[in-house]
Amino acid sequence: MSRPELDLTRQRYAYACGYCGVTEDSAGGLLTVDHHRPLSAGGDDHLDNLVYACVRCNQYKHSYWPTATEAANGLRILHPMQDLLTLHYRLNRQTGRLEPLTEAGRFHVSLLRLNRPQLVKYRLAQELHEVLAGKLDLIERQIQELQETIAAQDRYIAALREQLD
């Protein structure tokens, strides 16, 4: 794969695994590129067939491609750019686990082991980070409001002093 194709694939997936969401920063480096439909199953190097993936997800998926019967029964890997993932599974923000909503979602989560302990811990850490960032934003807005109130009171006191002088 050429460097421009790799860079474009990385950008399309926002520098994160299309399957589990782990970022390059969290992984400590570049991820891999997976052929959603493997070359051995007739896939190609077209951009729409490439998924930016962490090493683990790429290993777990390997060269899986469903037979016609498996596909008919929902036993397939969801494509992060082509499937609406929220129809197939949802994140339980309290437990950090992905909860399947469809047979395809169940199979996808199971085959890629998307509820492995490290990913659950990662999701919970991301959730905590978002909560803390929201609290920090609220505190910063409250500080700004207090500073504005203090400034208004200082102006009021200064105006009163001028009237007394």
Protein backbone atom coordinates (compact mmCIF):
# COMPACT_ATOMS: atom_id res chain seq x y z
CA MET A 1 0.00 0.00 0.00
CA SER A 2 1.34 3.39 -0.93
CA ARG A 3 1.91 6.07 1.69
CA PRO A 4 -0.86 8.35 0.28
CA GLU A 5 -3.38 5.47 0.47
CA LEU A 6 -2.32 4.70 4.05
CA ASP A 7 -2.59 8.36 5.03
CA LEU A 8 -6.03 8.66 3.43
CA THR A 9 -7.23 5.50 5.19
CA ARG A 10 -5.91 6.80 8.52
CA GLN A 11 -7.70 10.12 7.97
CA ARG A 12 -10.98 8.44 6.99
CA TYR A 13 -10.98 6.54 10.28
CA ALA A 14 -9.84 9.56 12.32
CA TYR A 15 -6.62 7.73 13.28
CA ALA A 16 -8.59 5.09 15.19
CA CYS A 17 -9.46 1.43 14.69
CA GLY A 18 -12.64 1.18 12.66
CA TYR A 19 -13.69 -1.89 14.63
CA CYS A 20 -12.92 -1.09 18.28
CA GLY A 21 -12.14 2.64 18.28
CA VAL A 22 -8.66 2.49 19.84
CA THR A 23 -6.64 5.46 18.62
CA GLU A 24 -3.06 5.65 17.43
CA ASP A 25 -2.27 7.69 20.54
CA SER A 26 -3.68 4.97 22.79
CA ALA A 27 -1.91 2.22 20.85
CA GLY A 28 1.35 4.15 20.82
CA GLY A 29 1.79 4.16 17.06
CA LEU A 30 0.33 3.40 13.68
CA LEU A 31 -2.37 0.76 13.37
CA THR A 32 -2.75 -1.71 10.51
CA VAL A 33 -4.95 -1.76 7.42
CA ASP A 34 -7.49 -4.56 7.08
CA HIS A 35 -9.16 -5.66 3.87
CA HIS A 36 -12.79 -5.85 4.99
CA ARG A 37 -13.43 -8.38 2.26
CA PRO A 38 -10.15 -10.29 2.28
CA LEU A 39 -8.12 -10.57 -0.91
CA SER A 40 -8.50 -14.35 -0.58
CA ALA A 41 -12.30 -13.92 -0.79
CA GLY A 42 -12.21 -11.66 -3.85
CA GLY A 43 -11.59 -8.36 -2.07
CA ASP A 44 -9.41 -5.64 -3.50
CA ASP A 45 -7.32 -2.64 -2.51
CA HIS A 46 -10.12 -0.15 -3.23
CA LEU A 47 -10.40 2.49 -0.52
CA ASP A 48 -13.94 1.38 0.39
CA ASN A 49 -12.61 -2.11 1.20
CA LEU A 50 -9.87 -0.85 3.52
CA VAL A 51 -10.45 -0.50 7.25
CA TYR A 52 -7.92 1.09 9.57
CA ALA A 53 -7.62 -1.49 12.34
CA CYS A 54 -5.64 -2.19 15.47
CA VAL A 55 -3.45 -5.27 15.44
CA ARG A 56 -5.81 -7.25 17.71
CA CYS A 57 -8.96 -6.60 15.68
CA ASN A 58 -7.06 -7.38 12.48
CA GLN A 59 -5.82 -10.66 14.01
CA TYR A 60 -9.25 -11.67 15.30
CA LYS A 61 -10.93 -10.92 11.97
CA HIS A 62 -8.05 -12.45 10.01
CA SER A 63 -9.39 -13.63 6.64
CA TYR A 64 -12.97 -14.26 7.74
CA TRP A 65 -15.59 -13.77 5.08
CA PRO A 66 -19.08 -15.25 5.46
CA THR A 67 -20.48 -17.97 3.26
CA ALA A 68 -23.85 -17.23 1.69
CA THR A 69 -25.56 -19.20 4.49
CA GLU A 70 -23.63 -17.39 7.21
CA ALA A 71 -24.43 -14.00 5.68
CA ALA A 72 -28.12 -14.92 5.43
CA ASN A 73 -28.05 -15.71 9.16
CA GLY A 74 -26.36 -12.42 10.04
CA LEU A 75 -22.95 -13.96 10.66
CA ARG A 76 -20.83 -11.21 9.18
CA ILE A 77 -18.35 -8.52 10.12
CA LEU A 78 -19.92 -5.09 9.99
CA HIS A 79 -18.22 -2.48 7.84
CA PRO A 80 -17.51 0.64 9.93
CA MET A 81 -18.11 3.02 7.00
CA GLN A 82 -20.98 1.20 5.32
CA ASP A 83 -23.08 -0.25 8.15
CA LEU A 84 -24.92 1.91 10.66
CA LEU A 85 -23.29 0.34 13.70
CA THR A 86 -25.80 1.81 16.17
CA LEU A 87 -28.46 -0.43 14.63
CA HIS A 88 -26.39 -3.50 15.52
CA TYR A 89 -24.96 -2.74 18.96
CA ARG A 90 -24.86 -0.03 21.58
CA LEU A 91 -22.37 1.03 24.19
CA ASN A 92 -23.43 0.59 27.80
CA ARG A 93 -21.70 3.66 29.22
CA GLN A 94 -21.90 2.32 32.76
CA THR A 95 -20.23 -1.03 32.08
CA GLY A 96 -18.10 -0.10 29.05
CA ARG A 97 -19.43 -3.15 27.20
CA LEU A 98 -20.95 -3.30 23.74
CA GLU A 99 -24.45 -4.78 23.81
CA PRO A 100 -25.57 -6.48 20.58
CA LEU A 101 -28.94 -5.50 19.14
CA THR A 102 -28.93 -7.79 16.11
CA GLU A 103 -27.51 -11.17 15.20
CA ALA A 104 -24.94 -9.41 13.00
CA GLY A 105 -24.03 -7.19 15.94
CA ARG A 106 -23.69 -10.20 18.25
CA PHE A 107 -21.47 -12.01 15.75
CA HIS A 108 -19.37 -8.93 15.03
CA VAL A 109 -18.78 -8.18 18.74
CA SER A 110 -18.05 -11.84 19.45
CA LEU A 111 -15.66 -12.54 16.55
CA LEU A 112 -13.65 -9.36 17.10
CA ARG A 113 -13.79 -9.82 20.89
CA LEU A 114 -14.92 -6.23 21.28
CA ASN A 115 -15.73 -6.75 24.96
CA ARG A 116 -12.24 -7.93 25.85
CA PRO A 117 -11.18 -6.53 29.24
CA GLN A 118 -8.69 -4.06 27.81
CA LEU A 119 -11.34 -2.48 25.54
CA VAL A 120 -13.89 -2.30 28.35
CA LYS A 121 -11.28 -0.55 30.51
CA TYR A 122 -10.41 1.77 27.59
CA ARG A 123 -14.07 2.70 27.03
CA LEU A 124 -14.62 3.36 30.75
CA ALA A 125 -11.51 5.56 30.81
CA GLN A 126 -12.83 7.45 27.76
CA GLU A 127 -16.19 7.91 29.49
CA LEU A 128 -14.49 9.19 32.65
CA HIS A 129 -12.39 11.57 30.56
CA GLU A 130 -15.54 12.96 28.91
CA VAL A 131 -17.30 13.40 32.26
CA LEU A 132 -14.30 15.14 33.79
CA ALA A 133 -13.87 17.36 30.71
CA GLY A 134 -17.53 18.35 31.01
CA LYS A 135 -17.10 19.17 34.69
CA LEU A 136 -13.97 21.19 33.98
CA ASP A 137 -15.83 23.14 31.30
CA LEU A 138 -18.67 23.86 33.76
CA ILE A 139 -16.21 25.01 36.46
CA GLU A 140 -14.43 27.27 33.97
CA ARG A 141 -17.76 28.87 32.97
CA GLN A 142 -18.66 29.36 36.64
CA ILE A 143 -15.28 31.01 37.29
CA GLN A 144 -15.86 33.33 34.31
CA GLU A 145 -19.31 34.25 35.63
CA LEU A 146 -17.88 34.92 39.10
CA GLN A 147 -15.12 37.08 37.65
CA GLU A 148 -17.74 39.08 35.72
CA THR A 149 -19.81 39.46 38.91
CA ILE A 150 -16.75 40.63 40.86
CA ALA A 151 -15.87 43.11 38.12
CA ALA A 152 -19.45 44.47 38.13
CA GLN A 153 -19.36 44.81 41.94
CA ASP A 154 -15.98 46.57 41.75
CA ARG A 155 -17.45 49.05 39.24
CA TYR A 156 -20.48 49.58 41.51
CA ILE A 157 -18.26 50.21 44.57
CA ALA A 158 -16.08 52.61 42.56
CA ALA A 159 -19.20 54.52 41.43
CA LEU A 160 -20.44 54.73 45.04
CA ARG A 161 -17.05 56.08 46.19
CA GLU A 162 -17.16 58.75 43.49
CA GLN A 163 -20.59 59.84 44.68
CA LEU A 164 -19.36 60.05 48.29
CA ASP A 165 -16.31 62.13 47.37
